[in-house]
Amino acid sequence: MATALRAARRLPLAVTGASLAFTRSAFVAKRPNYAQPNWLGVGLAFGTSAALWALLFKQHNEDIMEYERRKQESHHKCTGCS
């Protein structure tokens, strides 16, 4: 019983300590400066997008080549090959 009372007394402290972790601090939160964009972030965003598009086109071309190869194999009716 005594341990349950001690745990019940500590519970509000644990809840208030956890809620403080999600509050915004004036030292961390600042207004965005639109006069000076974050060029590193912009470059990473566009670079990642370009790399993904290049990978997509490369994979598409490989898939088309594999499709054409398999289509040619299916039309091959030679009895000496198998």
PDB file of N, CA and C in Angstrom:
ATOM      1  N   MET A   1       0.825  -1.188   0.000  1.00  0.00           N
ATOM      2  CA  MET A   1       0.000   0.000   0.000  1.00  0.00           C
ATOM      3  C   MET A   1       0.867   1.248   0.000  1.00  0.00           C
ATOM      4  N   ALA A   2       1.933   1.243   0.820  1.00  0.00           N
ATOM      5  CA  ALA A   2       2.793   2.416   0.915  1.00  0.00           C
ATOM      6  C   ALA A   2       3.533   2.659  -0.393  1.00  0.00           C
ATOM      7  N   THR A   3       3.914   1.594  -1.076  1.00  0.00           N
ATOM      8  CA  THR A   3       4.609   1.776  -2.361  1.00  0.00           C
ATOM      9  C   THR A   3       3.673   2.342  -3.416  1.00  0.00           C
ATOM     10  N   ALA A   4       2.405   1.949  -3.358  1.00  0.00           N
ATOM     11  CA  ALA A   4       1.437   2.483  -4.311  1.00  0.00           C
ATOM     12  C   ALA A   4       1.228   3.975  -4.076  1.00  0.00           C
ATOM     13  N   LEU A   5       1.207   4.406  -2.839  1.00  0.00           N
ATOM     14  CA  LEU A   5       1.050   5.836  -2.535  1.00  0.00           C
ATOM     15  C   LEU A   5       2.264   6.629  -3.000  1.00  0.00           C
ATOM     16  N   ARG A   6       3.464   6.053  -2.803  1.00  0.00           N
ATOM     17  CA  ARG A   6       4.677   6.746  -3.262  1.00  0.00           C
ATOM     18  C   ARG A   6       4.681   6.866  -4.782  1.00  0.00           C
ATOM     19  N   ALA A   7       4.261   5.822  -5.470  1.00  0.00           N
ATOM     20  CA  ALA A   7       4.206   5.852  -6.936  1.00  0.00           C
ATOM     21  C   ALA A   7       3.166   6.853  -7.409  1.00  0.00           C
ATOM     22  N   ALA A   8       2.039   6.939  -6.712  1.00  0.00           N
ATOM     23  CA  ALA A   8       0.987   7.887  -7.083  1.00  0.00           C
ATOM     24  C   ALA A   8       1.460   9.327  -6.888  1.00  0.00           C
ATOM     25  N   ARG A   9       2.298   9.559  -5.863  1.00  0.00           N
ATOM     26  CA  ARG A   9       2.817  10.914  -5.642  1.00  0.00           C
ATOM     27  C   ARG A   9       3.838  11.300  -6.715  1.00  0.00           C
ATOM     28  N   ARG A  10       4.581  10.333  -7.223  1.00  0.00           N
ATOM     29  CA  ARG A  10       5.606  10.629  -8.238  1.00  0.00           C
ATOM     30  C   ARG A  10       5.008  10.799  -9.633  1.00  0.00           C
ATOM     31  N   LEU A  11       3.841  10.272  -9.875  1.00  0.00           N
ATOM     32  CA  LEU A  11       3.220  10.307 -11.190  1.00  0.00           C
ATOM     33  C   LEU A  11       3.035  11.723 -11.728  1.00  0.00           C
ATOM     34  N   PRO A  12       2.503  12.675 -10.962  1.00  0.00           N
ATOM     35  CA  PRO A  12       2.358  14.034 -11.513  1.00  0.00           C
ATOM     36  C   PRO A  12       3.703  14.669 -11.867  1.00  0.00           C
ATOM     37  N   LEU A  13       4.760  14.342 -11.145  1.00  0.00           N
ATOM     38  CA  LEU A  13       6.078  14.891 -11.470  1.00  0.00           C
ATOM     39  C   LEU A  13       6.584  14.342 -12.791  1.00  0.00           C
ATOM     40  N   ALA A  14       6.343  13.082 -13.031  1.00  0.00           N
ATOM     41  CA  ALA A  14       6.783  12.473 -14.287  1.00  0.00           C
ATOM     42  C   ALA A  14       6.011  13.049 -15.461  1.00  0.00           C
ATOM     43  N   VAL A  15       4.744  13.320 -15.286  1.00  0.00           N
ATOM     44  CA  VAL A  15       3.930  13.869 -16.366  1.00  0.00           C
ATOM     45  C   VAL A  15       4.349  15.293 -16.678  1.00  0.00           C
ATOM     46  N   THR A  16       4.611  16.110 -15.653  1.00  0.00           N
ATOM     47  CA  THR A  16       5.018  17.492 -15.915  1.00  0.00           C
ATOM     48  C   THR A  16       6.411  17.536 -16.514  1.00  0.00           C
ATOM     49  N   GLY A  17       7.294  16.623 -16.132  1.00  0.00           N
ATOM     50  CA  GLY A  17       8.630  16.586 -16.722  1.00  0.00           C
ATOM     51  C   GLY A  17       8.588  16.213 -18.190  1.00  0.00           C
ATOM     52  N   ALA A  18       7.688  15.301 -18.551  1.00  0.00           N
ATOM     53  CA  ALA A  18       7.570  14.887 -19.946  1.00  0.00           C
ATOM     54  C   ALA A  18       6.937  15.984 -20.790  1.00  0.00           C
ATOM     55  N   SER A  19       5.998  16.724 -20.228  1.00  0.00           N
ATOM     56  CA  SER A  19       5.336  17.767 -21.014  1.00  0.00           C
ATOM     57  C   SER A  19       6.278  18.941 -21.288  1.00  0.00           C
ATOM     58  N   LEU A  20       7.262  19.156 -20.430  1.00  0.00           N
ATOM     59  CA  LEU A  20       8.219  20.232 -20.670  1.00  0.00           C
ATOM     60  C   LEU A  20       9.119  19.936 -21.865  1.00  0.00           C
ATOM     61  N   ALA A  21       9.297  18.668 -22.190  1.00  0.00           N
ATOM     62  CA  ALA A  21      10.158  18.299 -23.305  1.00  0.00           C
ATOM     63  C   ALA A  21       9.543  18.709 -24.637  1.00  0.00           C
ATOM     64  N   PHE A  22       8.236  18.895 -24.704  1.00  0.00           N
ATOM     65  CA  PHE A  22       7.563  19.213 -25.957  1.00  0.00           C
ATOM     66  C   PHE A  22       7.245  20.693 -26.107  1.00  0.00           C
ATOM     67  N   THR A  23       7.694  21.515 -25.167  1.00  0.00           N
ATOM     68  CA  THR A  23       7.430  22.947 -25.278  1.00  0.00           C
ATOM     69  C   THR A  23       8.503  23.600 -26.137  1.00  0.00           C
ATOM     70  N   ARG A  24       8.180  24.710 -26.768  1.00  0.00           N
ATOM     71  CA  ARG A  24       9.138  25.426 -27.607  1.00  0.00           C
ATOM     72  C   ARG A  24       9.889  26.444 -26.777  1.00  0.00           C
ATOM     73  N   SER A  25      11.137  26.530 -27.015  1.00  0.00           N
ATOM     74  CA  SER A  25      11.978  27.486 -26.312  1.00  0.00           C
ATOM     75  C   SER A  25      12.238  28.686 -27.215  1.00  0.00           C
ATOM     76  N   ALA A  26      12.378  29.854 -26.613  1.00  0.00           N
ATOM     77  CA  ALA A  26      12.651  31.065 -27.379  1.00  0.00           C
ATOM     78  C   ALA A  26      14.036  30.995 -28.014  1.00  0.00           C
ATOM     79  N   PHE A  27      14.933  30.184 -27.468  1.00  0.00           N
ATOM     80  CA  PHE A  27      16.272  30.080 -28.015  1.00  0.00           C
ATOM     81  C   PHE A  27      16.316  29.151 -29.227  1.00  0.00           C
ATOM     82  N   VAL A  28      15.350  28.275 -29.358  1.00  0.00           N
ATOM     83  CA  VAL A  28      15.324  27.331 -30.469  1.00  0.00           C
ATOM     84  C   VAL A  28      14.394  27.817 -31.571  1.00  0.00           C
ATOM     85  N   ALA A  29      13.217  28.284 -31.188  1.00  0.00           N
ATOM     86  CA  ALA A  29      12.226  28.728 -32.175  1.00  0.00           C
ATOM     87  C   ALA A  29      12.546  30.150 -32.608  1.00  0.00           C
ATOM     88  N   LYS A  30      12.720  30.332 -33.905  1.00  0.00           N
ATOM     89  CA  LYS A  30      12.989  31.683 -34.414  1.00  0.00           C
ATOM     90  C   LYS A  30      12.226  31.881 -35.706  1.00  0.00           C
ATOM     91  N   ARG A  31      12.004  33.095 -36.049  1.00  0.00           N
ATOM     92  CA  ARG A  31      11.271  33.405 -37.270  1.00  0.00           C
ATOM     93  C   ARG A  31      12.151  33.113 -38.478  1.00  0.00           C
ATOM     94  N   PRO A  32      11.558  32.554 -39.514  1.00  0.00           N
ATOM     95  CA  PRO A  32      12.360  32.296 -40.723  1.00  0.00           C
ATOM     96  C   PRO A  32      12.725  33.596 -41.414  1.00  0.00           C
ATOM     97  N   ASN A  33      13.959  33.669 -41.880  1.00  0.00           N
ATOM     98  CA  ASN A  33      14.442  34.842 -42.597  1.00  0.00           C
ATOM     99  C   ASN A  33      14.324  34.540 -44.090  1.00  0.00           C
ATOM    100  N   TYR A  34      13.291  35.104 -44.725  1.00  0.00           N
ATOM    101  CA  TYR A  34      13.055  34.825 -46.136  1.00  0.00           C
ATOM    102  C   TYR A  34      14.005  35.603 -47.042  1.00  0.00           C
ATOM    103  N   ALA A  35      14.738  36.561 -46.510  1.00  0.00           N
ATOM    104  CA  ALA A  35      15.710  37.300 -47.303  1.00  0.00           C
ATOM    105  C   ALA A  35      16.946  36.442 -47.595  1.00  0.00           C
ATOM    106  N   GLN A  36      17.233  35.486 -46.721  1.00  0.00           N
ATOM    107  CA  GLN A  36      18.376  34.591 -46.904  1.00  0.00           C
ATOM    108  C   GLN A  36      17.885  33.144 -46.871  1.00  0.00           C
ATOM    109  N   PRO A  37      17.577  32.567 -48.034  1.00  0.00           N
ATOM    110  CA  PRO A  37      17.098  31.177 -48.054  1.00  0.00           C
ATOM    111  C   PRO A  37      18.189  30.201 -47.609  1.00  0.00           C
ATOM    112  N   ASN A  38      17.758  29.059 -47.153  1.00  0.00           N
ATOM    113  CA  ASN A  38      18.680  28.002 -46.759  1.00  0.00           C
ATOM    114  C   ASN A  38      19.120  27.270 -48.027  1.00  0.00           C
ATOM    115  N   TRP A  39      20.202  27.721 -48.636  1.00  0.00           N
ATOM    116  CA  TRP A  39      20.622  27.181 -49.928  1.00  0.00           C
ATOM    117  C   TRP A  39      21.075  25.733 -49.833  1.00  0.00           C
ATOM    118  N   LEU A  40      21.598  25.353 -48.695  1.00  0.00           N
ATOM    119  CA  LEU A  40      21.989  23.951 -48.520  1.00  0.00           C
ATOM    120  C   LEU A  40      20.753  23.054 -48.564  1.00  0.00           C
ATOM    121  N   GLY A  41      19.713  23.450 -47.872  1.00  0.00           N
ATOM    122  CA  GLY A  41      18.472  22.678 -47.897  1.00  0.00           C
ATOM    123  C   GLY A  41      17.832  22.660 -49.273  1.00  0.00           C
ATOM    124  N   VAL A  42      17.867  23.811 -49.960  1.00  0.00           N
ATOM    125  CA  VAL A  42      17.304  23.888 -51.314  1.00  0.00           C
ATOM    126  C   VAL A  42      18.088  22.974 -52.256  1.00  0.00           C
ATOM    127  N   GLY A  43      19.400  23.025 -52.162  1.00  0.00           N
ATOM    128  CA  GLY A  43      20.244  22.180 -53.011  1.00  0.00           C
ATOM    129  C   GLY A  43      20.039  20.702 -52.733  1.00  0.00           C
ATOM    130  N   LEU A  44      19.916  20.347 -51.453  1.00  0.00           N
ATOM    131  CA  LEU A  44      19.681  18.944 -51.119  1.00  0.00           C
ATOM    132  C   LEU A  44      18.322  18.475 -51.629  1.00  0.00           C
ATOM    133  N   ALA A  45      17.321  19.326 -51.528  1.00  0.00           N
ATOM    134  CA  ALA A  45      15.982  18.947 -51.990  1.00  0.00           C
ATOM    135  C   ALA A  45      15.965  18.741 -53.502  1.00  0.00           C
ATOM    136  N   PHE A  46      16.498  19.703 -54.258  1.00  0.00           N
ATOM    137  CA  PHE A  46      16.507  19.575 -55.707  1.00  0.00           C
ATOM    138  C   PHE A  46      17.455  18.479 -56.177  1.00  0.00           C
ATOM    139  N   GLY A  47      18.587  18.342 -55.523  1.00  0.00           N
ATOM    140  CA  GLY A  47      19.537  17.295 -55.889  1.00  0.00           C
ATOM    141  C   GLY A  47      18.971  15.908 -55.663  1.00  0.00           C
ATOM    142  N   THR A  48      18.287  15.728 -54.544  1.00  0.00           N
ATOM    143  CA  THR A  48      17.664  14.442 -54.258  1.00  0.00           C
ATOM    144  C   THR A  48      16.570  14.141 -55.267  1.00  0.00           C
ATOM    145  N   SER A  49      15.784  15.155 -55.592  1.00  0.00           N
ATOM    146  CA  SER A  49      14.723  14.965 -56.579  1.00  0.00           C
ATOM    147  C   SER A  49      15.307  14.592 -57.943  1.00  0.00           C
ATOM    148  N   ALA A  50      16.349  15.281 -58.363  1.00  0.00           N
ATOM    149  CA  ALA A  50      16.976  14.986 -59.657  1.00  0.00           C
ATOM    150  C   ALA A  50      17.580  13.580 -59.662  1.00  0.00           C
ATOM    151  N   ALA A  51      18.207  13.192 -58.564  1.00  0.00           N
ATOM    152  CA  ALA A  51      18.802  11.850 -58.492  1.00  0.00           C
ATOM    153  C   ALA A  51      17.727  10.772 -58.557  1.00  0.00           C
ATOM    154  N   LEU A  52      16.600  10.995 -57.898  1.00  0.00           N
ATOM    155  CA  LEU A  52      15.523  10.008 -57.943  1.00  0.00           C
ATOM    156  C   LEU A  52      14.916   9.897 -59.339  1.00  0.00           C
ATOM    157  N   TRP A  53      14.753  11.044 -60.025  1.00  0.00           N
ATOM    158  CA  TRP A  53      14.229  11.009 -61.389  1.00  0.00           C
ATOM    159  C   TRP A  53      15.201  10.285 -62.321  1.00  0.00           C
ATOM    160  N   ALA A  54      16.512  10.534 -62.162  1.00  0.00           N
ATOM    161  CA  ALA A  54      17.511   9.858 -62.994  1.00  0.00           C
ATOM    162  C   ALA A  54      17.468   8.352 -62.754  1.00  0.00           C
ATOM    163  N   LEU A  55      17.347   7.955 -61.497  1.00  0.00           N
ATOM    164  CA  LEU A  55      17.250   6.536 -61.173  1.00  0.00           C
ATOM    165  C   LEU A  55      15.988   5.926 -61.763  1.00  0.00           C
ATOM    166  N   LEU A  56      14.896   6.673 -61.742  1.00  0.00           N
ATOM    167  CA  LEU A  56      13.642   6.198 -62.308  1.00  0.00           C
ATOM    168  C   LEU A  56      13.762   5.970 -63.814  1.00  0.00           C
ATOM    169  N   PHE A  57      14.357   6.924 -64.540  1.00  0.00           N
ATOM    170  CA  PHE A  57      14.528   6.776 -65.988  1.00  0.00           C
ATOM    171  C   PHE A  57      15.480   5.635 -66.322  1.00  0.00           C
ATOM    172  N   LYS A  58      16.543   5.498 -65.544  1.00  0.00           N
ATOM    173  CA  LYS A  58      17.497   4.408 -65.777  1.00  0.00           C
ATOM    174  C   LYS A  58      16.819   3.060 -65.589  1.00  0.00           C
ATOM    175  N   GLN A  59      16.060   2.922 -64.514  1.00  0.00           N
ATOM    176  CA  GLN A  59      15.364   1.665 -64.250  1.00  0.00           C
ATOM    177  C   GLN A  59      14.318   1.388 -65.327  1.00  0.00           C
ATOM    178  N   HIS A  60      13.639   2.422 -65.779  1.00  0.00           N
ATOM    179  CA  HIS A  60      12.636   2.252 -66.839  1.00  0.00           C
ATOM    180  C   HIS A  60      13.288   1.746 -68.119  1.00  0.00           C
ATOM    181  N   ASN A  61      14.421   2.332 -68.494  1.00  0.00           N
ATOM    182  CA  ASN A  61      15.118   1.889 -69.710  1.00  0.00           C
ATOM    183  C   ASN A  61      15.590   0.443 -69.590  1.00  0.00           C
ATOM    184  N   GLU A  62      16.081   0.062 -68.408  1.00  0.00           N
ATOM    185  CA  GLU A  62      16.498  -1.327 -68.205  1.00  0.00           C
ATOM    186  C   GLU A  62      15.305  -2.274 -68.294  1.00  0.00           C
ATOM    187  N   ASP A  63      14.169  -1.857 -67.757  1.00  0.00           N
ATOM    188  CA  ASP A  63      12.967  -2.691 -67.827  1.00  0.00           C
ATOM    189  C   ASP A  63      12.485  -2.856 -69.269  1.00  0.00           C
ATOM    190  N   ILE A  64      12.558  -1.782 -70.050  1.00  0.00           N
ATOM    191  CA  ILE A  64      12.155  -1.860 -71.453  1.00  0.00           C
ATOM    192  C   ILE A  64      13.079  -2.801 -72.218  1.00  0.00           C
ATOM    193  N   MET A  65      14.381  -2.717 -71.979  1.00  0.00           N
ATOM    194  CA  MET A  65      15.328  -3.611 -72.653  1.00  0.00           C
ATOM    195  C   MET A  65      15.071  -5.069 -72.275  1.00  0.00           C
ATOM    196  N   GLU A  66      14.794  -5.334 -70.996  1.00  0.00           N
ATOM    197  CA  GLU A  66      14.499  -6.701 -70.557  1.00  0.00           C
ATOM    198  C   GLU A  66      13.203  -7.204 -71.185  1.00  0.00           C
ATOM    199  N   TYR A  67      12.218  -6.329 -71.297  1.00  0.00           N
ATOM    200  CA  TYR A  67      10.945  -6.694 -71.941  1.00  0.00           C
ATOM    201  C   TYR A  67      11.169  -7.077 -73.402  1.00  0.00           C
ATOM    202  N   GLU A  68      11.949  -6.262 -74.117  1.00  0.00           N
ATOM    203  CA  GLU A  68      12.222  -6.552 -75.530  1.00  0.00           C
ATOM    204  C   GLU A  68      13.003  -7.855 -75.682  1.00  0.00           C
ATOM    205  N   ARG A  69      13.958  -8.111 -74.776  1.00  0.00           N
ATOM    206  CA  ARG A  69      14.745  -9.345 -74.843  1.00  0.00           C
ATOM    207  C   ARG A  69      13.854 -10.558 -74.639  1.00  0.00           C
ATOM    208  N   ARG A  70      12.982 -10.497 -73.641  1.00  0.00           N
ATOM    209  CA  ARG A  70      12.092 -11.626 -73.383  1.00  0.00           C
ATOM    210  C   ARG A  70      11.072 -11.814 -74.505  1.00  0.00           C
ATOM    211  N   LYS A  71      10.645 -10.718 -75.113  1.00  0.00           N
ATOM    212  CA  LYS A  71       9.705 -10.811 -76.226  1.00  0.00           C
ATOM    213  C   LYS A  71      10.369 -11.509 -77.415  1.00  0.00           C
ATOM    214  N   GLN A  72      11.645 -11.192 -77.670  1.00  0.00           N
ATOM    215  CA  GLN A  72      12.385 -11.841 -78.758  1.00  0.00           C
ATOM    216  C   GLN A  72      12.570 -13.329 -78.461  1.00  0.00           C
ATOM    217  N   GLU A  73      12.850 -13.686 -77.205  1.00  0.00           N
ATOM    218  CA  GLU A  73      13.039 -15.088 -76.842  1.00  0.00           C
ATOM    219  C   GLU A  73      11.756 -15.886 -77.011  1.00  0.00           C
ATOM    220  N   SER A  74      10.620 -15.272 -76.723  1.00  0.00           N
ATOM    221  CA  SER A  74       9.354 -16.012 -76.823  1.00  0.00           C
ATOM    222  C   SER A  74       9.001 -16.308 -78.270  1.00  0.00           C
ATOM    223  N   HIS A  75       9.475 -15.507 -79.220  1.00  0.00           N
ATOM    224  CA  HIS A  75       9.185 -15.732 -80.634  1.00  0.00           C
ATOM    225  C   HIS A  75      10.188 -16.698 -81.278  1.00  0.00           C
ATOM    226  N   HIS A  76      11.214 -17.045 -80.560  1.00  0.00           N
ATOM    227  CA  HIS A  76      12.253 -17.932 -81.073  1.00  0.00           C
ATOM    228  C   HIS A  76      11.732 -19.365 -81.041  1.00  0.00           C
ATOM    229  N   LYS A  77      11.584 -19.981 -82.206  1.00  0.00           N
ATOM    230  CA  LYS A  77      10.985 -21.328 -82.290  1.00  0.00           C
ATOM    231  C   LYS A  77      11.986 -22.388 -82.758  1.00  0.00           C
ATOM    232  N   CYS A  78      13.262 -22.169 -82.549  1.00  0.00           N
ATOM    233  CA  CYS A  78      14.275 -23.106 -82.996  1.00  0.00           C
ATOM    234  C   CYS A  78      14.279 -24.352 -82.110  1.00  0.00           C
ATOM    235  N   THR A  79      14.275 -25.562 -82.735  1.00  0.00           N
ATOM    236  CA  THR A  79      14.268 -26.797 -81.965  1.00  0.00           C
ATOM    237  C   THR A  79      15.682 -27.216 -81.557  1.00  0.00           C
ATOM    238  N   GLY A  80      16.681 -26.681 -82.220  1.00  0.00           N
ATOM    239  CA  GLY A  80      18.058 -27.062 -81.913  1.00  0.00           C
ATOM    240  C   GLY A  80      18.623 -26.360 -80.679  1.00  0.00           C
ATOM    241  N   CYS A  81      18.022 -25.269 -80.246  1.00  0.00           N
ATOM    242  CA  CYS A  81      18.551 -24.504 -79.108  1.00  0.00           C
ATOM    243  C   CYS A  81      18.200 -25.153 -77.777  1.00  0.00           C
ATOM    244  N   SER A  82      17.032 -25.821 -77.695  1.00  0.00           N
ATOM    245  CA  SER A  82      16.620 -26.321 -76.392  1.00  0.00           C
ATOM    246  C   SER A  82      16.985 -27.727 -76.155  1.00  0.00           C
TER     247      SER A  82
END
